[in-house]
Amino acid sequence: MELTLQLVIDCADPQRLVAFWSEALGYVPEPPPGSHATWREYWAAMGVPEEELPPGAGDTPESIVDPAGRGPRVWFQQVPERKAAKNRIHLDLKVGGGRDVPLAVRRQRVSTTVERLVEAGATVLRVTDEPGMGHYAVLLQDPEGNEFDVV
């Protein structure tokens, strides 16, 4: 039995998060299968009833994939309710290089990534800087308030 992993993120605006997380992860928007022009066209060909598709659903990609094929597919599922509480799961973007890399280098790598993601729409919530423990991380929110760390 083959197992693949898909990460699903509930959201109000899939296109906004496709753009943000493509930038954050180095992923690309997932093209529709086969010769279909859009995901909506693909879903219609599969028999998904029109009333099950919100306006605009599938007109542009709502999922992203790792162009190298190593990471999981991420699907941004449009839901009517807003985020109401702290995430029960979050992503760590590990860009620092680990504890074998000097703390000053890790801090610079993390800071560079944080600056790029803030420009893309993220918000910084907290910086954890514990030189005595050799730890540096930044907690951010994506454009819809989903929390993640850059470490």
Protein backbone atom coordinates (compact mmCIF):
# COMPACT_ATOMS: atom_id res chain seq x y z
CA MET A 1 0.00 0.00 0.00
CA GLU A 2 1.40 3.39 -0.98
CA LEU A 3 0.93 6.34 1.37
CA THR A 4 1.12 9.94 0.29
CA LEU A 5 0.66 12.97 2.50
CA GLN A 6 -1.46 16.01 1.71
CA LEU A 7 -1.61 18.97 4.03
CA VAL A 8 -5.01 20.72 4.01
CA ILE A 9 -5.38 24.30 5.25
CA ASP A 10 -8.89 25.69 5.70
CA CYS A 11 -9.15 29.27 4.48
CA ALA A 12 -11.39 32.01 3.11
CA ASP A 13 -9.25 32.93 0.09
CA PRO A 14 -7.37 30.00 -1.48
CA GLN A 15 -5.72 32.11 -4.19
CA ARG A 16 -4.19 34.47 -1.62
CA LEU A 17 -2.72 31.57 0.34
CA VAL A 18 -1.54 29.78 -2.82
CA ALA A 19 0.51 32.88 -3.65
CA PHE A 20 1.82 33.31 -0.09
CA TRP A 21 2.74 29.68 0.60
CA SER A 22 4.25 29.20 -2.87
CA GLU A 23 6.64 32.01 -1.93
CA ALA A 24 7.20 30.68 1.60
CA LEU A 25 7.90 27.07 0.62
CA GLY A 26 9.37 27.44 -2.88
CA TYR A 27 6.40 25.46 -4.21
CA VAL A 28 4.42 26.10 -7.39
CA PRO A 29 0.66 26.27 -8.02
CA GLU A 30 -0.52 22.80 -9.04
CA PRO A 31 -1.79 22.72 -12.63
CA PRO A 32 -5.06 20.89 -13.34
CA PRO A 33 -4.75 17.26 -14.44
CA GLY A 34 -4.59 16.17 -18.06
CA SER A 35 -5.84 18.52 -20.71
CA HIS A 36 -8.23 20.40 -18.42
CA ALA A 37 -7.89 24.19 -18.51
CA THR A 38 -8.94 24.62 -14.86
CA TRP A 39 -9.53 22.53 -11.76
CA ARG A 40 -13.21 23.47 -11.98
CA GLU A 41 -13.36 21.92 -15.47
CA TYR A 42 -11.62 18.80 -14.12
CA TRP A 43 -14.03 18.51 -11.18
CA ALA A 44 -17.02 18.92 -13.54
CA ALA A 45 -15.62 16.13 -15.75
CA MET A 46 -15.40 13.95 -12.61
CA GLY A 47 -19.08 14.60 -11.90
CA VAL A 48 -18.80 17.02 -8.97
CA PRO A 49 -22.18 18.84 -8.88
CA GLU A 50 -21.98 22.58 -9.58
CA GLU A 51 -23.85 23.34 -6.33
CA GLU A 52 -20.94 21.82 -4.35
CA LEU A 53 -18.46 24.30 -5.81
CA PRO A 54 -18.39 27.82 -4.35
CA PRO A 55 -18.23 30.69 -6.85
CA GLY A 56 -14.72 30.86 -8.29
CA ALA A 57 -13.67 27.49 -6.85
CA GLY A 58 -11.15 25.83 -9.15
CA ASP A 59 -10.94 28.73 -11.60
CA THR A 60 -7.31 29.12 -10.47
CA PRO A 61 -5.17 26.54 -8.63
CA GLU A 62 -6.08 25.98 -4.98
CA SER A 63 -3.16 23.68 -4.25
CA ILE A 64 0.61 23.86 -4.42
CA VAL A 65 3.24 21.21 -5.01
CA ASP A 66 6.95 20.83 -4.47
CA PRO A 67 8.54 21.16 -7.94
CA ALA A 68 11.20 18.62 -6.85
CA GLY A 69 8.47 16.16 -5.84
CA ARG A 70 9.80 15.64 -2.29
CA GLY A 71 7.37 17.59 -0.11
CA PRO A 72 3.65 17.02 0.39
CA ARG A 73 0.92 18.60 -1.72
CA VAL A 74 -0.78 21.48 0.11
CA TRP A 75 -4.47 22.14 -0.59
CA PHE A 76 -6.14 25.37 0.51
CA GLN A 77 -9.75 24.38 1.13
CA GLN A 78 -12.22 27.23 1.05
CA VAL A 79 -14.52 27.18 4.10
CA PRO A 80 -17.14 29.72 5.22
CA GLU A 81 -15.95 30.16 8.82
CA ARG A 82 -12.95 32.28 9.86
CA LYS A 83 -10.05 31.02 11.96
CA ALA A 84 -11.22 31.24 15.57
CA ALA A 85 -8.36 30.03 17.79
CA LYS A 86 -4.70 29.06 17.92
CA ASN A 87 -3.61 26.40 15.45
CA ARG A 88 -3.45 22.87 16.85
CA ILE A 89 -0.73 22.12 14.28
CA HIS A 90 1.75 24.46 12.64
CA LEU A 91 4.64 24.42 10.20
CA ASP A 92 8.27 25.07 11.03
CA LEU A 93 10.25 26.48 8.11
CA LYS A 94 13.73 25.27 9.01
CA VAL A 95 16.03 27.64 7.13
CA GLY A 96 18.75 28.19 9.74
CA GLY A 97 20.71 25.03 9.06
CA GLY A 98 20.59 23.42 12.49
CA ARG A 99 22.77 23.66 15.57
CA ASP A 100 25.96 22.83 13.66
CA VAL A 101 25.67 26.28 12.03
CA PRO A 102 26.84 29.24 14.17
CA LEU A 103 23.98 31.10 15.86
CA ALA A 104 24.84 34.38 14.10
CA VAL A 105 24.54 32.69 10.70
CA ARG A 106 21.26 31.00 11.65
CA ARG A 107 19.90 34.32 12.95
CA GLN A 108 20.76 36.01 9.63
CA ARG A 109 19.19 33.21 7.56
CA VAL A 110 16.01 33.32 9.64
CA SER A 111 15.84 37.12 9.53
CA THR A 112 16.29 37.18 5.74
CA THR A 113 13.46 34.68 5.31
CA VAL A 114 11.22 36.57 7.75
CA GLU A 115 11.76 39.83 5.84
CA ARG A 116 10.81 38.11 2.56
CA LEU A 117 7.67 36.59 4.07
CA VAL A 118 6.58 39.85 5.71
CA GLU A 119 6.81 41.47 2.26
CA ALA A 120 4.63 38.61 0.96
CA GLY A 121 1.96 39.27 3.61
CA ALA A 122 3.05 37.57 6.86
CA THR A 123 2.89 39.24 10.28
CA VAL A 124 5.54 38.77 12.97
CA LEU A 125 4.03 37.70 16.30
CA ARG A 126 7.08 36.93 18.43
CA VAL A 127 10.86 36.62 18.21
CA THR A 128 12.50 33.98 20.39
CA ASP A 129 16.17 34.81 20.85
CA GLU A 130 17.89 32.67 23.45
CA PRO A 131 21.65 32.91 22.82
CA GLY A 132 22.44 30.91 25.98
CA MET A 133 20.46 28.02 24.52
CA GLY A 134 21.68 28.60 20.98
CA HIS A 135 18.11 29.12 19.74
CA TYR A 136 16.63 31.74 17.43
CA ALA A 137 13.13 31.53 15.92
CA VAL A 138 10.37 33.84 14.73
CA LEU A 139 6.65 33.10 15.07
CA LEU A 140 4.58 34.53 12.22
CA GLN A 141 1.04 34.46 10.85
CA ASP A 142 0.17 33.97 7.20
CA PRO A 143 -2.32 36.41 5.59
CA GLU A 144 -5.27 34.53 7.17
CA GLY A 145 -3.79 34.22 10.66
CA ASN A 146 -2.36 30.68 10.49
CA GLU A 147 0.71 30.52 12.72
CA PHE A 148 4.10 29.14 11.68
CA ASP A 149 7.71 29.38 12.81
CA VAL A 150 10.84 30.26 10.92
CA VAL A 151 13.74 28.52 12.65
